[in-house]
Amino acid sequence: MIKVCFFADLRERLGCADMLVEHFSGENIAQLKDFIVKQHPQWEKIFLEKKLLIAVNHAMANNNSAIVAGDEVAFFPPVTGG
């Protein structure tokens, strides 16, 4: 099982703060995104956004980052400051 978290306005746009992904047999973030979109096709446009940031177990990651059962994956919009 992989815990997936959504932060900031992404959480509001998806209407979901987090989810548990079971029966995932993929190996990386790109495959996880595809798996999630198959379950929630209405989220496809959001998951295709190039500016979407990703973290695995609190470390920055990308679509090619490996994941395994027990990992926590977070998706969030770019952070701005000032």
PDB file of N, CA and C in Angstrom:
ATOM      1  N   MET A   1       0.846  -1.174   0.000  1.00  0.00           N
ATOM      2  CA  MET A   1       0.000   0.000   0.000  1.00  0.00           C
ATOM      3  C   MET A   1       0.893   1.239   0.000  1.00  0.00           C
ATOM      4  N   ILE A   2       0.464   2.247  -0.738  1.00  0.00           N
ATOM      5  CA  ILE A   2       1.177   3.518  -0.816  1.00  0.00           C
ATOM      6  C   ILE A   2       0.214   4.617  -0.388  1.00  0.00           C
ATOM      7  N   LYS A   3       0.679   5.477   0.517  1.00  0.00           N
ATOM      8  CA  LYS A   3      -0.137   6.613   0.937  1.00  0.00           C
ATOM      9  C   LYS A   3       0.173   7.771   0.004  1.00  0.00           C
ATOM     10  N   VAL A   4      -0.879   8.360  -0.572  1.00  0.00           N
ATOM     11  CA  VAL A   4      -0.729   9.489  -1.479  1.00  0.00           C
ATOM     12  C   VAL A   4      -1.415  10.692  -0.850  1.00  0.00           C
ATOM     13  N   CYS A   5      -0.677  11.804  -0.771  1.00  0.00           N
ATOM     14  CA  CYS A   5      -1.200  13.037  -0.164  1.00  0.00           C
ATOM     15  C   CYS A   5      -1.240  14.147  -1.203  1.00  0.00           C
ATOM     16  N   PHE A   6      -2.241  14.999  -1.081  1.00  0.00           N
ATOM     17  CA  PHE A   6      -2.397  16.144  -1.969  1.00  0.00           C
ATOM     18  C   PHE A   6      -2.425  17.405  -1.110  1.00  0.00           C
ATOM     19  N   PHE A   7      -1.635  18.418  -1.480  1.00  0.00           N
ATOM     20  CA  PHE A   7      -1.513  19.611  -0.656  1.00  0.00           C
ATOM     21  C   PHE A   7      -1.939  20.882  -1.387  1.00  0.00           C
ATOM     22  N   ALA A   8      -2.243  21.892  -0.578  1.00  0.00           N
ATOM     23  CA  ALA A   8      -2.580  23.249  -1.027  1.00  0.00           C
ATOM     24  C   ALA A   8      -3.782  23.234  -1.970  1.00  0.00           C
ATOM     25  N   ASP A   9      -3.742  24.057  -3.022  1.00  0.00           N
ATOM     26  CA  ASP A   9      -4.915  24.143  -3.902  1.00  0.00           C
ATOM     27  C   ASP A   9      -5.144  22.851  -4.681  1.00  0.00           C
ATOM     28  N   LEU A  10      -4.133  22.018  -4.783  1.00  0.00           N
ATOM     29  CA  LEU A  10      -4.308  20.724  -5.441  1.00  0.00           C
ATOM     30  C   LEU A  10      -5.332  19.883  -4.684  1.00  0.00           C
ATOM     31  N   ARG A  11      -5.252  19.906  -3.371  1.00  0.00           N
ATOM     32  CA  ARG A  11      -6.215  19.186  -2.529  1.00  0.00           C
ATOM     33  C   ARG A  11      -7.631  19.691  -2.801  1.00  0.00           C
ATOM     34  N   GLU A  12      -7.779  20.989  -2.926  1.00  0.00           N
ATOM     35  CA  GLU A  12      -9.100  21.567  -3.172  1.00  0.00           C
ATOM     36  C   GLU A  12      -9.605  21.233  -4.573  1.00  0.00           C
ATOM     37  N   ARG A  13      -8.729  21.286  -5.562  1.00  0.00           N
ATOM     38  CA  ARG A  13      -9.128  20.988  -6.943  1.00  0.00           C
ATOM     39  C   ARG A  13      -9.540  19.536  -7.114  1.00  0.00           C
ATOM     40  N   LEU A  14      -8.872  18.629  -6.391  1.00  0.00           N
ATOM     41  CA  LEU A  14      -9.204  17.210  -6.481  1.00  0.00           C
ATOM     42  C   LEU A  14     -10.339  16.819  -5.544  1.00  0.00           C
ATOM     43  N   GLY A  15     -10.561  17.634  -4.510  1.00  0.00           N
ATOM     44  CA  GLY A  15     -11.571  17.297  -3.518  1.00  0.00           C
ATOM     45  C   GLY A  15     -11.137  16.136  -2.645  1.00  0.00           C
ATOM     46  N   CYS A  16      -9.813  16.018  -2.458  1.00  0.00           N
ATOM     47  CA  CYS A  16      -9.275  14.874  -1.730  1.00  0.00           C
ATOM     48  C   CYS A  16      -7.957  15.284  -1.074  1.00  0.00           C
ATOM     49  N   ALA A  17      -7.792  14.993   0.208  1.00  0.00           N
ATOM     50  CA  ALA A  17      -6.556  15.317   0.908  1.00  0.00           C
ATOM     51  C   ALA A  17      -5.532  14.190   0.819  1.00  0.00           C
ATOM     52  N   ASP A  18      -6.012  12.958   0.875  1.00  0.00           N
ATOM     53  CA  ASP A  18      -5.101  11.823   0.773  1.00  0.00           C
ATOM     54  C   ASP A  18      -5.868  10.564   0.404  1.00  0.00           C
ATOM     55  N   MET A  19      -5.122   9.557   0.006  1.00  0.00           N
ATOM     56  CA  MET A  19      -5.733   8.287  -0.359  1.00  0.00           C
ATOM     57  C   MET A  19      -4.712   7.167  -0.160  1.00  0.00           C
ATOM     58  N   LEU A  20      -5.200   5.972   0.041  1.00  0.00           N
ATOM     59  CA  LEU A  20      -4.344   4.799   0.120  1.00  0.00           C
ATOM     60  C   LEU A  20      -4.492   4.030  -1.182  1.00  0.00           C
ATOM     61  N   VAL A  21      -3.370   3.752  -1.813  1.00  0.00           N
ATOM     62  CA  VAL A  21      -3.373   3.033  -3.083  1.00  0.00           C
ATOM     63  C   VAL A  21      -2.942   1.600  -2.812  1.00  0.00           C
ATOM     64  N   GLU A  22      -3.865   0.697  -3.056  1.00  0.00           N
ATOM     65  CA  GLU A  22      -3.591  -0.725  -2.861  1.00  0.00           C
ATOM     66  C   GLU A  22      -3.504  -1.413  -4.220  1.00  0.00           C
ATOM     67  N   HIS A  23      -2.869  -2.545  -4.245  1.00  0.00           N
ATOM     68  CA  HIS A  23      -2.768  -3.374  -5.455  1.00  0.00           C
ATOM     69  C   HIS A  23      -2.028  -2.667  -6.584  1.00  0.00           C
ATOM     70  N   PHE A  24      -1.096  -1.792  -6.235  1.00  0.00           N
ATOM     71  CA  PHE A  24      -0.283  -1.108  -7.234  1.00  0.00           C
ATOM     72  C   PHE A  24       0.941  -1.971  -7.515  1.00  0.00           C
ATOM     73  N   SER A  25       1.138  -2.317  -8.782  1.00  0.00           N
ATOM     74  CA  SER A  25       2.267  -3.182  -9.128  1.00  0.00           C
ATOM     75  C   SER A  25       3.338  -2.451  -9.933  1.00  0.00           C
ATOM     76  N   GLY A  26       3.210  -1.143 -10.051  1.00  0.00           N
ATOM     77  CA  GLY A  26       4.196  -0.359 -10.790  1.00  0.00           C
ATOM     78  C   GLY A  26       5.465  -0.132  -9.990  1.00  0.00           C
ATOM     79  N   GLU A  27       6.383   0.602 -10.605  1.00  0.00           N
ATOM     80  CA  GLU A  27       7.688   0.813  -9.984  1.00  0.00           C
ATOM     81  C   GLU A  27       8.060   2.272  -9.782  1.00  0.00           C
ATOM     82  N   ASN A  28       7.320   3.195 -10.420  1.00  0.00           N
ATOM     83  CA  ASN A  28       7.736   4.594 -10.306  1.00  0.00           C
ATOM     84  C   ASN A  28       6.526   5.534 -10.233  1.00  0.00           C
ATOM     85  N   ILE A  29       6.823   6.809 -10.057  1.00  0.00           N
ATOM     86  CA  ILE A  29       5.779   7.823  -9.900  1.00  0.00           C
ATOM     87  C   ILE A  29       4.900   7.924 -11.154  1.00  0.00           C
ATOM     88  N   ALA A  30       5.488   7.882 -12.330  1.00  0.00           N
ATOM     89  CA  ALA A  30       4.701   7.978 -13.567  1.00  0.00           C
ATOM     90  C   ALA A  30       3.660   6.863 -13.623  1.00  0.00           C
ATOM     91  N   GLN A  31       4.048   5.669 -13.255  1.00  0.00           N
ATOM     92  CA  GLN A  31       3.108   4.540 -13.265  1.00  0.00           C
ATOM     93  C   GLN A  31       2.042   4.709 -12.183  1.00  0.00           C
ATOM     94  N   LEU A  32       2.433   5.279 -11.039  1.00  0.00           N
ATOM     95  CA  LEU A  32       1.457   5.542  -9.981  1.00  0.00           C
ATOM     96  C   LEU A  32       0.426   6.567 -10.456  1.00  0.00           C
ATOM     97  N   LYS A  33       0.884   7.614 -11.126  1.00  0.00           N
ATOM     98  CA  LYS A  33      -0.043   8.623 -11.651  1.00  0.00           C
ATOM     99  C   LYS A  33      -1.021   7.991 -12.634  1.00  0.00           C
ATOM    100  N   ASP A  34      -0.529   7.138 -13.515  1.00  0.00           N
ATOM    101  CA  ASP A  34      -1.413   6.446 -14.467  1.00  0.00           C
ATOM    102  C   ASP A  34      -2.437   5.582 -13.735  1.00  0.00           C
ATOM    103  N   PHE A  35      -1.990   4.886 -12.695  1.00  0.00           N
ATOM    104  CA  PHE A  35      -2.861   4.015 -11.904  1.00  0.00           C
ATOM    105  C   PHE A  35      -3.978   4.835 -11.252  1.00  0.00           C
ATOM    106  N   ILE A  36      -3.612   5.983 -10.685  1.00  0.00           N
ATOM    107  CA  ILE A  36      -4.590   6.845 -10.014  1.00  0.00           C
ATOM    108  C   ILE A  36      -5.589   7.413 -11.031  1.00  0.00           C
ATOM    109  N   VAL A  37      -5.096   7.839 -12.181  1.00  0.00           N
ATOM    110  CA  VAL A  37      -5.970   8.422 -13.205  1.00  0.00           C
ATOM    111  C   VAL A  37      -6.955   7.383 -13.744  1.00  0.00           C
ATOM    112  N   LYS A  38      -6.551   6.135 -13.801  1.00  0.00           N
ATOM    113  CA  LYS A  38      -7.480   5.089 -14.241  1.00  0.00           C
ATOM    114  C   LYS A  38      -8.654   4.967 -13.268  1.00  0.00           C
ATOM    115  N   GLN A  39      -8.391   5.199 -11.980  1.00  0.00           N
ATOM    116  CA  GLN A  39      -9.446   5.143 -10.971  1.00  0.00           C
ATOM    117  C   GLN A  39     -10.250   6.446 -10.915  1.00  0.00           C
ATOM    118  N   HIS A  40      -9.608   7.555 -11.282  1.00  0.00           N
ATOM    119  CA  HIS A  40     -10.229   8.890 -11.217  1.00  0.00           C
ATOM    120  C   HIS A  40      -9.941   9.634 -12.523  1.00  0.00           C
ATOM    121  N   PRO A  41     -10.583   9.257 -13.616  1.00  0.00           N
ATOM    122  CA  PRO A  41     -10.284   9.875 -14.917  1.00  0.00           C
ATOM    123  C   PRO A  41     -10.457  11.396 -14.941  1.00  0.00           C
ATOM    124  N   GLN A  42     -11.283  11.925 -14.091  1.00  0.00           N
ATOM    125  CA  GLN A  42     -11.505  13.371 -14.048  1.00  0.00           C
ATOM    126  C   GLN A  42     -10.264  14.117 -13.543  1.00  0.00           C
ATOM    127  N   TRP A  43      -9.289  13.425 -12.977  1.00  0.00           N
ATOM    128  CA  TRP A  43      -8.064  14.035 -12.461  1.00  0.00           C
ATOM    129  C   TRP A  43      -6.949  14.077 -13.499  1.00  0.00           C
ATOM    130  N   GLU A  44      -7.172  13.518 -14.669  1.00  0.00           N
ATOM    131  CA  GLU A  44      -6.091  13.385 -15.664  1.00  0.00           C
ATOM    132  C   GLU A  44      -5.440  14.723 -15.994  1.00  0.00           C
ATOM    133  N   LYS A  45      -6.232  15.750 -16.256  1.00  0.00           N
ATOM    134  CA  LYS A  45      -5.676  17.054 -16.630  1.00  0.00           C
ATOM    135  C   LYS A  45      -4.742  17.582 -15.539  1.00  0.00           C
ATOM    136  N   ILE A  46      -5.121  17.413 -14.293  1.00  0.00           N
ATOM    137  CA  ILE A  46      -4.306  17.898 -13.185  1.00  0.00           C
ATOM    138  C   ILE A  46      -2.987  17.126 -13.098  1.00  0.00           C
ATOM    139  N   PHE A  47      -3.034  15.821 -13.287  1.00  0.00           N
ATOM    140  CA  PHE A  47      -1.821  15.016 -13.193  1.00  0.00           C
ATOM    141  C   PHE A  47      -0.890  15.211 -14.386  1.00  0.00           C
ATOM    142  N   LEU A  48      -1.378  15.783 -15.469  1.00  0.00           N
ATOM    143  CA  LEU A  48      -0.530  16.047 -16.627  1.00  0.00           C
ATOM    144  C   LEU A  48       0.195  17.386 -16.529  1.00  0.00           C
ATOM    145  N   GLU A  49      -0.153  18.201 -15.541  1.00  0.00           N
ATOM    146  CA  GLU A  49       0.483  19.513 -15.392  1.00  0.00           C
ATOM    147  C   GLU A  49       1.977  19.351 -15.119  1.00  0.00           C
ATOM    148  N   LYS A  50       2.789  20.043 -15.901  1.00  0.00           N
ATOM    149  CA  LYS A  50       4.238  19.942 -15.769  1.00  0.00           C
ATOM    150  C   LYS A  50       4.757  20.593 -14.487  1.00  0.00           C
ATOM    151  N   LYS A  51       4.014  21.534 -13.958  1.00  0.00           N
ATOM    152  CA  LYS A  51       4.472  22.246 -12.770  1.00  0.00           C
ATOM    153  C   LYS A  51       4.182  21.497 -11.467  1.00  0.00           C
ATOM    154  N   LEU A  52       3.538  20.367 -11.523  1.00  0.00           N
ATOM    155  CA  LEU A  52       3.194  19.584 -10.340  1.00  0.00           C
ATOM    156  C   LEU A  52       4.471  19.053  -9.675  1.00  0.00           C
ATOM    157  N   LEU A  53       4.642  19.342  -8.395  1.00  0.00           N
ATOM    158  CA  LEU A  53       5.807  18.872  -7.650  1.00  0.00           C
ATOM    159  C   LEU A  53       5.477  17.576  -6.920  1.00  0.00           C
ATOM    160  N   ILE A  54       6.515  16.773  -6.687  1.00  0.00           N
ATOM    161  CA  ILE A  54       6.340  15.445  -6.106  1.00  0.00           C
ATOM    162  C   ILE A  54       7.393  15.232  -5.021  1.00  0.00           C
ATOM    163  N   ALA A  55       6.995  14.562  -3.950  1.00  0.00           N
ATOM    164  CA  ALA A  55       7.939  14.134  -2.912  1.00  0.00           C
ATOM    165  C   ALA A  55       7.634  12.683  -2.564  1.00  0.00           C
ATOM    166  N   VAL A  56       8.681  11.927  -2.318  1.00  0.00           N
ATOM    167  CA  VAL A  56       8.547  10.549  -1.848  1.00  0.00           C
ATOM    168  C   VAL A  56       9.239  10.469  -0.496  1.00  0.00           C
ATOM    169  N   ASN A  57       8.478  10.112   0.522  1.00  0.00           N
ATOM    170  CA  ASN A  57       9.003  10.040   1.885  1.00  0.00           C
ATOM    171  C   ASN A  57       9.721  11.337   2.274  1.00  0.00           C
ATOM    172  N   HIS A  58       9.106  12.467   1.934  1.00  0.00           N
ATOM    173  CA  HIS A  58       9.552  13.815   2.284  1.00  0.00           C
ATOM    174  C   HIS A  58      10.796  14.275   1.532  1.00  0.00           C
ATOM    175  N   ALA A  59      11.201  13.567   0.473  1.00  0.00           N
ATOM    176  CA  ALA A  59      12.325  13.988  -0.364  1.00  0.00           C
ATOM    177  C   ALA A  59      11.795  14.295  -1.759  1.00  0.00           C
ATOM    178  N   MET A  60      12.265  15.385  -2.348  1.00  0.00           N
ATOM    179  CA  MET A  60      11.816  15.757  -3.688  1.00  0.00           C
ATOM    180  C   MET A  60      12.069  14.613  -4.656  1.00  0.00           C
ATOM    181  N   ALA A  61      11.131  14.436  -5.588  1.00  0.00           N
ATOM    182  CA  ALA A  61      11.187  13.319  -6.526  1.00  0.00           C
ATOM    183  C   ALA A  61      10.702  13.790  -7.893  1.00  0.00           C
ATOM    184  N   ASN A  62      10.701  12.871  -8.858  1.00  0.00           N
ATOM    185  CA  ASN A  62      10.181  13.164 -10.189  1.00  0.00           C
ATOM    186  C   ASN A  62       9.456  11.935 -10.715  1.00  0.00           C
ATOM    187  N   ASN A  63       8.971  12.013 -11.937  1.00  0.00           N
ATOM    188  CA  ASN A  63       8.182  10.916 -12.495  1.00  0.00           C
ATOM    189  C   ASN A  63       8.943   9.601 -12.586  1.00  0.00           C
ATOM    190  N   ASN A  64      10.256   9.656 -12.654  1.00  0.00           N
ATOM    191  CA  ASN A  64      11.060   8.442 -12.769  1.00  0.00           C
ATOM    192  C   ASN A  64      11.489   7.872 -11.424  1.00  0.00           C
ATOM    193  N   SER A  65      11.158   8.549 -10.340  1.00  0.00           N
ATOM    194  CA  SER A  65      11.564   8.088  -9.004  1.00  0.00           C
ATOM    195  C   SER A  65      10.879   6.773  -8.653  1.00  0.00           C
ATOM    196  N   ALA A  66      11.672   5.865  -8.120  1.00  0.00           N
ATOM    197  CA  ALA A  66      11.158   4.546  -7.731  1.00  0.00           C
ATOM    198  C   ALA A  66      10.323   4.656  -6.465  1.00  0.00           C
ATOM    199  N   ILE A  67       9.299   3.824  -6.383  1.00  0.00           N
ATOM    200  CA  ILE A  67       8.475   3.733  -5.182  1.00  0.00           C
ATOM    201  C   ILE A  67       8.190   2.270  -4.887  1.00  0.00           C
ATOM    202  N   VAL A  68       7.976   1.991  -3.600  1.00  0.00           N
ATOM    203  CA  VAL A  68       7.649   0.638  -3.156  1.00  0.00           C
ATOM    204  C   VAL A  68       6.543   0.721  -2.111  1.00  0.00           C
ATOM    205  N   ALA A  69       5.941  -0.416  -1.824  1.00  0.00           N
ATOM    206  CA  ALA A  69       4.893  -0.471  -0.805  1.00  0.00           C
ATOM    207  C   ALA A  69       5.420   0.126   0.496  1.00  0.00           C
ATOM    208  N   GLY A  70       4.573   0.913   1.151  1.00  0.00           N
ATOM    209  CA  GLY A  70       4.946   1.562   2.400  1.00  0.00           C
ATOM    210  C   GLY A  70       5.418   2.994   2.229  1.00  0.00           C
ATOM    211  N   ASP A  71       5.684   3.409   0.993  1.00  0.00           N
ATOM    212  CA  ASP A  71       6.123   4.781   0.742  1.00  0.00           C
ATOM    213  C   ASP A  71       4.963   5.751   0.889  1.00  0.00           C
ATOM    214  N   GLU A  72       5.318   7.006   1.138  1.00  0.00           N
ATOM    215  CA  GLU A  72       4.354   8.094   1.142  1.00  0.00           C
ATOM    216  C   GLU A  72       4.719   9.024  -0.005  1.00  0.00           C
ATOM    217  N   VAL A  73       3.772   9.261  -0.893  1.00  0.00           N
ATOM    218  CA  VAL A  73       3.990  10.119  -2.051  1.00  0.00           C
ATOM    219  C   VAL A  73       3.106  11.355  -1.901  1.00  0.00           C
ATOM    220  N   ALA A  74       3.711  12.510  -2.071  1.00  0.00           N
ATOM    221  CA  ALA A  74       2.967  13.768  -1.957  1.00  0.00           C
ATOM    222  C   ALA A  74       3.028  14.526  -3.280  1.00  0.00           C
ATOM    223  N   PHE A  75       1.886  15.068  -3.669  1.00  0.00           N
ATOM    224  CA  PHE A  75       1.797  15.919  -4.860  1.00  0.00           C
ATOM    225  C   PHE A  75       1.392  17.313  -4.381  1.00  0.00           C
ATOM    226  N   PHE A  76       2.044  18.344  -4.933  1.00  0.00           N
ATOM    227  CA  PHE A  76       1.717  19.701  -4.515  1.00  0.00           C
ATOM    228  C   PHE A  76       2.111  20.690  -5.597  1.00  0.00           C
ATOM    229  N   PRO A  77       1.455  21.861  -5.586  1.00  0.00           N
ATOM    230  CA  PRO A  77       1.784  22.886  -6.582  1.00  0.00           C
ATOM    231  C   PRO A  77       3.110  23.545  -6.212  1.00  0.00           C
ATOM    232  N   PRO A  78       3.705  24.271  -7.157  1.00  0.00           N
ATOM    233  CA  PRO A  78       4.950  24.983  -6.837  1.00  0.00           C
ATOM    234  C   PRO A  78       4.732  25.949  -5.680  1.00  0.00           C
ATOM    235  N   VAL A  79       5.740  26.094  -4.878  1.00  0.00           N
ATOM    236  CA  VAL A  79       5.663  26.976  -3.722  1.00  0.00           C
ATOM    237  C   VAL A  79       6.273  28.321  -4.109  1.00  0.00           C
ATOM    238  N   THR A  80       5.565  29.370  -3.780  1.00  0.00           N
ATOM    239  CA  THR A  80       6.098  30.704  -4.055  1.00  0.00           C
ATOM    240  C   THR A  80       6.248  31.436  -2.732  1.00  0.00           C
ATOM    241  N   GLY A  81       7.123  32.353  -2.710  1.00  0.00           N
ATOM    242  CA  GLY A  81       7.353  33.116  -1.487  1.00  0.00           C
ATOM    243  C   GLY A  81       7.609  34.556  -1.813  1.00  0.00           C
ATOM    244  N   GLY A  82       7.771  35.323  -0.782  1.00  0.00           N
ATOM    245  CA  GLY A  82       8.071  36.717  -1.052  1.00  0.00           C
ATOM    246  C   GLY A  82       7.859  37.569   0.139  1.00  0.00           C
TER     247      GLY A  82
END
